[in-house]
N, C-alpha and C. Protein backbone atom coordinates (compact mmCIF):
# COMPACT_ATOMS: atom_id res chain seq x y z
N MET A 1 0.48 -1.30 -0.19
CA MET A 1 0.19 0.39 0.04
C MET A 1 1.01 1.36 -0.10
N PHE A 2 1.91 1.21 1.36
CA PHE A 2 2.73 2.30 0.97
C PHE A 2 3.82 2.73 -0.42
N ARG A 3 4.11 1.62 -0.69
CA ARG A 3 5.00 1.48 -1.82
C ARG A 3 4.41 2.21 -2.96
N ASN A 4 3.01 2.04 -3.47
CA ASN A 4 1.83 2.55 -4.30
C ASN A 4 1.90 4.10 -3.98
N LEU A 5 1.76 4.20 -2.94
CA LEU A 5 1.39 5.72 -2.41
C LEU A 5 2.98 6.54 -3.27
N PHE A 6 4.06 5.71 -2.45
CA PHE A 6 5.41 6.54 -2.77
C PHE A 6 5.58 6.42 -4.72
N LYS A 7 4.91 5.47 -5.21
CA LYS A 7 5.31 5.89 -6.53
C LYS A 7 4.23 6.71 -7.37
N VAL A 8 3.25 7.06 -6.22
CA VAL A 8 2.14 8.07 -7.26
C VAL A 8 3.13 9.25 -6.70
N LEU A 9 3.49 9.91 -5.49
CA LEU A 9 4.16 10.89 -5.16
C LEU A 9 5.31 11.31 -5.68
N GLU A 10 5.99 10.19 -6.31
CA GLU A 10 7.76 10.19 -6.93
C GLU A 10 7.88 11.83 -7.76
N PRO A 11 6.86 11.75 -9.07
CA PRO A 11 6.93 12.86 -9.84
C PRO A 11 7.22 14.00 -8.86
N VAL A 12 5.99 14.27 -7.73
CA VAL A 12 5.54 15.40 -7.19
C VAL A 12 7.18 15.71 -5.75
N ARG A 13 7.44 15.01 -5.11
CA ARG A 13 9.22 14.92 -4.95
C ARG A 13 9.63 15.16 -5.62
N ASN A 14 9.75 14.95 -6.53
CA ASN A 14 11.15 14.97 -7.80
C ASN A 14 11.05 16.63 -7.76
N ARG A 15 9.83 16.75 -8.09
CA ARG A 15 10.10 18.37 -8.65
C ARG A 15 9.90 19.21 -7.09
N LEU A 16 10.13 19.01 -6.57
CA LEU A 16 10.13 19.25 -5.12
C LEU A 16 11.37 19.24 -4.50
N SER A 17 12.50 18.60 -4.83
CA SER A 17 13.93 18.22 -4.45
C SER A 17 14.47 19.24 -5.44
N ARG A 18 14.01 19.56 -6.45
CA ARG A 18 14.32 19.44 -7.58
C ARG A 18 14.55 21.29 -7.48
N ALA A 19 13.53 21.74 -7.42
CA ALA A 19 13.39 23.23 -7.14
C ALA A 19 13.78 23.39 -5.42
N VAL A 20 14.37 22.85 -4.39
CA VAL A 20 14.83 23.46 -3.53
C VAL A 20 16.22 23.29 -3.72
N ALA A 21 16.92 22.34 -4.39
CA ALA A 21 18.17 21.97 -4.86
C ALA A 21 18.40 23.55 -5.76
N ALA A 22 17.41 23.90 -6.61
CA ALA A 22 18.01 24.87 -7.56
C ALA A 22 18.24 26.44 -6.33
N GLY A 23 16.72 26.34 -5.46
CA GLY A 23 17.28 27.49 -5.27
C GLY A 23 18.24 27.51 -4.28
N ALA A 24 18.69 26.59 -3.82
CA ALA A 24 19.62 26.76 -2.54
C ALA A 24 20.99 27.53 -3.45
N ASN A 25 21.02 26.74 -4.38
CA ASN A 25 22.58 26.97 -5.18
C ASN A 25 22.18 28.15 -6.20
N GLY A 26 20.87 28.52 -6.38
CA GLY A 26 20.85 29.57 -7.29
C GLY A 26 21.01 29.44 -8.83
N ALA A 27 21.37 28.43 -8.98
CA ALA A 27 21.20 27.27 -10.49
C ALA A 27 21.02 26.13 -10.78
N THR A 28 20.57 25.82 -12.06
CA THR A 28 20.17 24.77 -11.96
C THR A 28 21.07 23.83 -13.06
N GLY A 29 20.76 22.65 -12.75
CA GLY A 29 21.72 21.75 -13.43
C GLY A 29 21.71 21.33 -14.72
N ALA A 30 22.44 20.36 -15.41
CA ALA A 30 22.55 20.07 -16.98
C ALA A 30 21.18 19.68 -16.97
N PHE A 31 20.43 18.71 -16.18
CA PHE A 31 18.89 18.40 -16.62
C PHE A 31 17.89 18.93 -16.25
N GLU A 32 18.06 19.84 -15.73
CA GLU A 32 16.85 20.97 -15.70
C GLU A 32 16.32 22.21 -16.50
N ARG A 33 17.33 21.95 -17.30
CA ARG A 33 17.29 23.35 -18.19
C ARG A 33 16.14 23.21 -19.17
N ASN A 34 15.15 22.52 -19.84
CA ASN A 34 13.51 22.15 -20.07
C ASN A 34 12.99 21.46 -19.85
N SER A 35 11.90 21.34 -20.05
CA SER A 35 10.90 20.15 -19.30
C SER A 35 11.17 18.56 -20.16
N VAL A 36 12.23 18.31 -21.23
CA VAL A 36 12.36 17.32 -21.66
C VAL A 36 13.19 16.60 -20.55
N SER A 37 12.67 14.94 -21.10
CA SER A 37 12.89 14.28 -20.24
C SER A 37 14.57 13.61 -20.60
N LYS A 38 15.15 13.17 -19.06
CA LYS A 38 16.47 13.49 -18.99
C LYS A 38 17.35 11.97 -19.97
N GLU A 39 16.27 11.53 -20.29
CA GLU A 39 16.78 10.32 -21.71
C GLU A 39 16.94 11.02 -23.05
N GLN A 40 15.80 11.94 -23.08
CA GLN A 40 15.71 12.64 -24.29
C GLN A 40 17.63 13.42 -24.34
N GLN A 41 17.45 14.06 -23.59
CA GLN A 41 17.91 15.27 -23.15
C GLN A 41 19.62 14.54 -23.24
N LEU A 42 20.01 13.33 -22.71
CA LEU A 42 21.11 12.68 -23.00
C LEU A 42 21.18 11.79 -24.74
N THR A 43 20.25 11.64 -25.10
CA THR A 43 20.09 11.54 -26.99
C THR A 43 20.60 12.18 -27.36
N GLU A 44 20.38 13.38 -27.29
CA GLU A 44 20.39 14.87 -27.87
C GLU A 44 22.01 15.21 -27.64
N VAL A 45 22.31 15.33 -26.86
CA VAL A 45 23.91 15.34 -26.21
C VAL A 45 24.70 14.59 -27.27
N LEU A 46 24.35 13.27 -27.26
CA LEU A 46 25.05 12.24 -27.77
C LEU A 46 25.11 12.64 -29.36
N LYS A 47 24.09 12.85 -30.04
CA LYS A 47 23.87 12.74 -31.28
C LYS A 47 24.89 14.50 -31.80
N LYS A 48 24.52 15.37 -31.04
CA LYS A 48 25.14 16.55 -31.25
C LYS A 48 27.01 16.13 -31.17
N ASN A 49 27.46 15.46 -30.10
CA ASN A 49 28.58 15.28 -29.84
C ASN A 49 29.45 13.95 -30.98
N LEU A 50 28.37 13.27 -31.68
CA LEU A 50 28.79 11.92 -32.14
C LEU A 50 28.09 12.32 -33.16
N PRO A 51 28.11 12.76 -34.51
CA PRO A 51 26.90 12.78 -35.49
C PRO A 51 26.99 11.39 -36.68
N GLY A 52 27.87 10.66 -36.18
CA GLY A 52 27.97 9.39 -36.83
C GLY A 52 27.00 8.57 -36.59
N ILE A 53 25.99 8.97 -35.63
CA ILE A 53 25.38 8.05 -34.32
C ILE A 53 24.11 6.80 -35.50
N THR A 54 23.98 5.56 -35.68
CA THR A 54 23.43 5.15 -36.46
C THR A 54 21.96 4.03 -35.60
N TYR A 55 22.48 4.23 -34.61
CA TYR A 55 21.47 3.59 -33.44
C TYR A 55 21.86 4.10 -31.89
N VAL A 56 20.91 4.67 -30.87
CA VAL A 56 21.14 5.02 -29.65
C VAL A 56 19.67 4.68 -29.07
N SER A 57 19.94 4.08 -27.80
CA SER A 57 18.80 3.91 -26.54
C SER A 57 19.47 4.27 -25.52
N VAL A 58 18.92 5.34 -24.81
CA VAL A 58 19.33 5.86 -23.15
C VAL A 58 18.12 5.17 -22.35
N GLN A 59 18.32 4.70 -21.43
CA GLN A 59 16.99 3.98 -20.53
C GLN A 59 17.81 4.69 -19.07
N ASP A 60 16.65 5.00 -18.26
CA ASP A 60 16.72 4.96 -16.92
C ASP A 60 16.74 4.10 -16.18
N ILE A 61 17.65 3.60 -15.38
CA ILE A 61 17.76 1.58 -14.90
C ILE A 61 17.82 2.18 -13.44
N SER A 62 17.32 3.57 -13.10
CA SER A 62 17.35 3.78 -11.43
C SER A 62 16.09 3.58 -11.02
N GLY A 63 15.04 3.15 -11.98
CA GLY A 63 13.52 3.73 -10.88
C GLY A 63 12.66 4.92 -11.22
N GLY A 64 13.12 5.22 -12.12
CA GLY A 64 12.97 6.84 -12.71
C GLY A 64 13.26 7.89 -11.82
N CYS A 65 14.23 7.82 -10.99
CA CYS A 65 14.73 8.92 -10.25
C CYS A 65 15.90 9.43 -10.71
N GLY A 66 16.15 8.99 -12.00
CA GLY A 66 17.46 9.85 -12.93
C GLY A 66 18.72 9.57 -12.26
N ALA A 67 18.97 8.43 -11.63
CA ALA A 67 20.56 8.49 -11.17
C ALA A 67 21.41 7.41 -11.75
N MET A 68 20.77 6.35 -12.17
CA MET A 68 21.62 5.55 -13.08
C MET A 68 21.54 5.38 -14.74
N PHE A 69 21.61 5.22 -15.74
CA PHE A 69 21.35 5.24 -16.94
C PHE A 69 22.17 4.18 -18.00
N GLU A 70 21.58 3.41 -18.43
CA GLU A 70 21.92 2.50 -19.58
C GLU A 70 21.83 2.75 -20.76
N ILE A 71 23.34 2.57 -21.83
CA ILE A 71 23.01 3.77 -23.04
C ILE A 71 23.93 2.15 -23.99
N SER A 72 23.15 2.25 -25.09
CA SER A 72 23.45 1.52 -26.05
C SER A 72 23.58 2.45 -27.35
N ILE A 73 24.57 2.14 -28.08
CA ILE A 73 25.07 3.08 -28.89
C ILE A 73 25.96 2.63 -30.14
N GLU A 74 25.44 2.78 -31.39
CA GLU A 74 26.47 2.26 -32.49
C GLU A 74 26.50 3.76 -33.11
N ALA A 75 27.76 3.74 -33.21
CA ALA A 75 28.41 5.13 -34.21
C ALA A 75 29.60 4.97 -35.35
N LYS A 76 29.62 5.82 -36.20
CA LYS A 76 30.85 5.62 -37.32
C LYS A 76 31.69 6.26 -36.36
N GLU A 77 31.49 6.70 -35.29
CA GLU A 77 33.26 7.05 -34.59
C GLU A 77 33.40 6.47 -34.04
N PHE A 78 33.12 5.00 -33.70
CA PHE A 78 34.11 3.54 -32.83
C PHE A 78 34.59 2.96 -33.81
N ALA A 79 34.73 2.94 -34.99
CA ALA A 79 35.32 1.97 -36.12
C ALA A 79 36.49 2.18 -35.97
N GLY A 80 37.52 0.89 -35.73
CA GLY A 80 38.54 1.26 -35.32
C GLY A 80 39.00 1.02 -34.17
N LEU A 81 38.13 1.55 -32.96
CA LEU A 81 38.30 1.58 -31.77
C LEU A 81 38.71 0.80 -31.11
N SER A 82 39.52 0.64 -29.63
CA SER A 82 39.11 -0.24 -28.41
C SER A 82 37.79 0.07 -27.80
N ARG A 83 37.43 -1.09 -27.08
CA ARG A 83 35.52 -0.89 -26.41
C ARG A 83 36.04 0.43 -25.54
N VAL A 84 37.63 0.58 -24.72
CA VAL A 84 37.85 1.45 -23.85
C VAL A 84 37.72 2.65 -24.39
N LYS A 85 38.12 3.56 -25.46
CA LYS A 85 38.19 4.64 -26.66
C LYS A 85 36.67 4.62 -26.69
N GLN A 86 36.00 3.90 -27.25
CA GLN A 86 34.68 3.93 -27.36
C GLN A 86 33.67 4.90 -26.54
N HIS A 87 34.16 4.22 -25.36
CA HIS A 87 33.12 4.67 -24.16
C HIS A 87 34.03 5.70 -23.44
N ARG A 88 35.19 5.89 -23.76
CA ARG A 88 35.61 7.44 -23.39
C ARG A 88 35.06 8.80 -24.18
N LEU A 89 34.82 7.99 -25.51
CA LEU A 89 34.16 9.25 -26.31
C LEU A 89 32.60 9.74 -25.90
N VAL A 90 31.81 8.33 -25.40
CA VAL A 90 30.75 8.76 -24.83
C VAL A 90 30.82 9.38 -23.67
N THR A 91 31.55 8.62 -22.70
CA THR A 91 31.79 9.95 -21.31
C THR A 91 32.32 11.17 -21.61
N ASP A 92 33.37 11.59 -22.43
CA ASP A 92 33.64 12.63 -22.74
C ASP A 92 32.55 13.68 -23.16
N SER A 93 31.36 12.76 -24.21
CA SER A 93 30.13 13.64 -25.00
C SER A 93 29.69 13.79 -23.44
N LEU A 94 29.79 13.29 -22.90
CA LEU A 94 27.98 13.45 -21.62
C LEU A 94 29.09 13.69 -20.15
N LYS A 95 30.14 14.40 -20.01
CA LYS A 95 31.10 14.91 -19.20
C LYS A 95 29.91 15.90 -17.84
N SER A 96 29.54 16.50 -18.00
CA SER A 96 28.47 17.41 -17.37
C SER A 96 27.07 16.73 -16.81
N GLU A 97 26.46 15.67 -17.58
CA GLU A 97 25.47 15.02 -16.90
C GLU A 97 26.01 13.82 -16.30
N ILE A 98 27.06 13.21 -16.66
CA ILE A 98 27.79 12.33 -15.51
C ILE A 98 28.00 12.71 -14.36
N ALA A 99 28.19 14.33 -14.17
CA ALA A 99 28.59 14.34 -12.65
C ALA A 99 27.29 14.57 -11.96
N GLU A 100 26.12 14.54 -12.69
CA GLU A 100 24.93 14.16 -11.76
C GLU A 100 23.71 13.19 -11.97
N MET A 101 25.26 12.28 -12.04
CA MET A 101 24.41 10.64 -11.81
C MET A 101 25.48 9.91 -10.80
N HIS A 102 24.75 8.72 -10.67
CA HIS A 102 25.42 8.11 -9.74
C HIS A 102 26.08 6.98 -10.56
N GLY A 103 25.50 6.45 -11.79
CA GLY A 103 26.25 5.37 -12.39
C GLY A 103 25.96 5.44 -13.72
N ILE A 104 26.34 4.81 -14.32
CA ILE A 104 26.04 4.75 -16.23
C ILE A 104 26.21 3.22 -17.15
N ARG A 105 25.73 2.98 -17.88
CA ARG A 105 26.10 1.38 -17.94
C ARG A 105 26.15 2.05 -19.20
N ILE A 106 27.95 1.73 -20.37
CA ILE A 106 27.44 1.82 -21.32
C ILE A 106 27.63 0.81 -22.42
N HIS A 107 27.25 0.27 -23.54
CA HIS A 107 27.33 -0.73 -24.60
C HIS A 107 27.76 -0.06 -26.09
N THR A 108 29.00 0.21 -26.41
CA THR A 108 28.88 0.64 -27.83
C THR A 108 29.23 -0.58 -29.10
N THR A 109 28.89 -0.01 -29.72
CA THR A 109 29.69 -0.82 -31.41
C THR A 109 29.49 0.08 -32.52
N PRO A 110 30.60 -0.04 -33.16
CA PRO A 110 30.71 0.34 -34.47
C PRO A 110 29.52 -0.43 -35.46
N PRO A 111 28.94 0.36 -36.31
CA PRO A 111 28.61 -0.51 -37.48
C PRO A 111 28.67 -1.45 -38.44
N GLN A 112 28.19 -1.99 -38.32
CA GLN A 112 28.38 -3.50 -39.34
C GLN A 112 28.78 -2.76 -41.03
N PRO A 113 29.39 -3.47 -41.58
CA PRO A 113 30.01 -3.16 -42.85
C PRO A 113 28.44 -3.68 -43.87
N ASP A 114 28.11 -3.35 -44.73
CA ASP A 114 27.14 -3.72 -45.77
C ASP A 114 27.12 -4.56 -46.69
């Protein structure tokens, strides 16, 4: 019963905590810029920084609080790079957004030749 109540009230709590945090330091974080979802914001930043993206999927795996995300991405920029360098491209692209997260899972692949 309480679990359902908390789920219903979670969006209100999130808005209030963001408002309090923004009022406390006088600025908003990278995620509070627009009313766009965090998944959409992360996707837009990735597409801007890695124009060769052929597939991208961003999912909030933290239960809706926006603290942890799983990103699957296929981009032309990954061709010929080691997995570590591929992940570094992603993390460098999302540097300011990652600072506000608890964790991130990254899955990268270069596009398959036709």
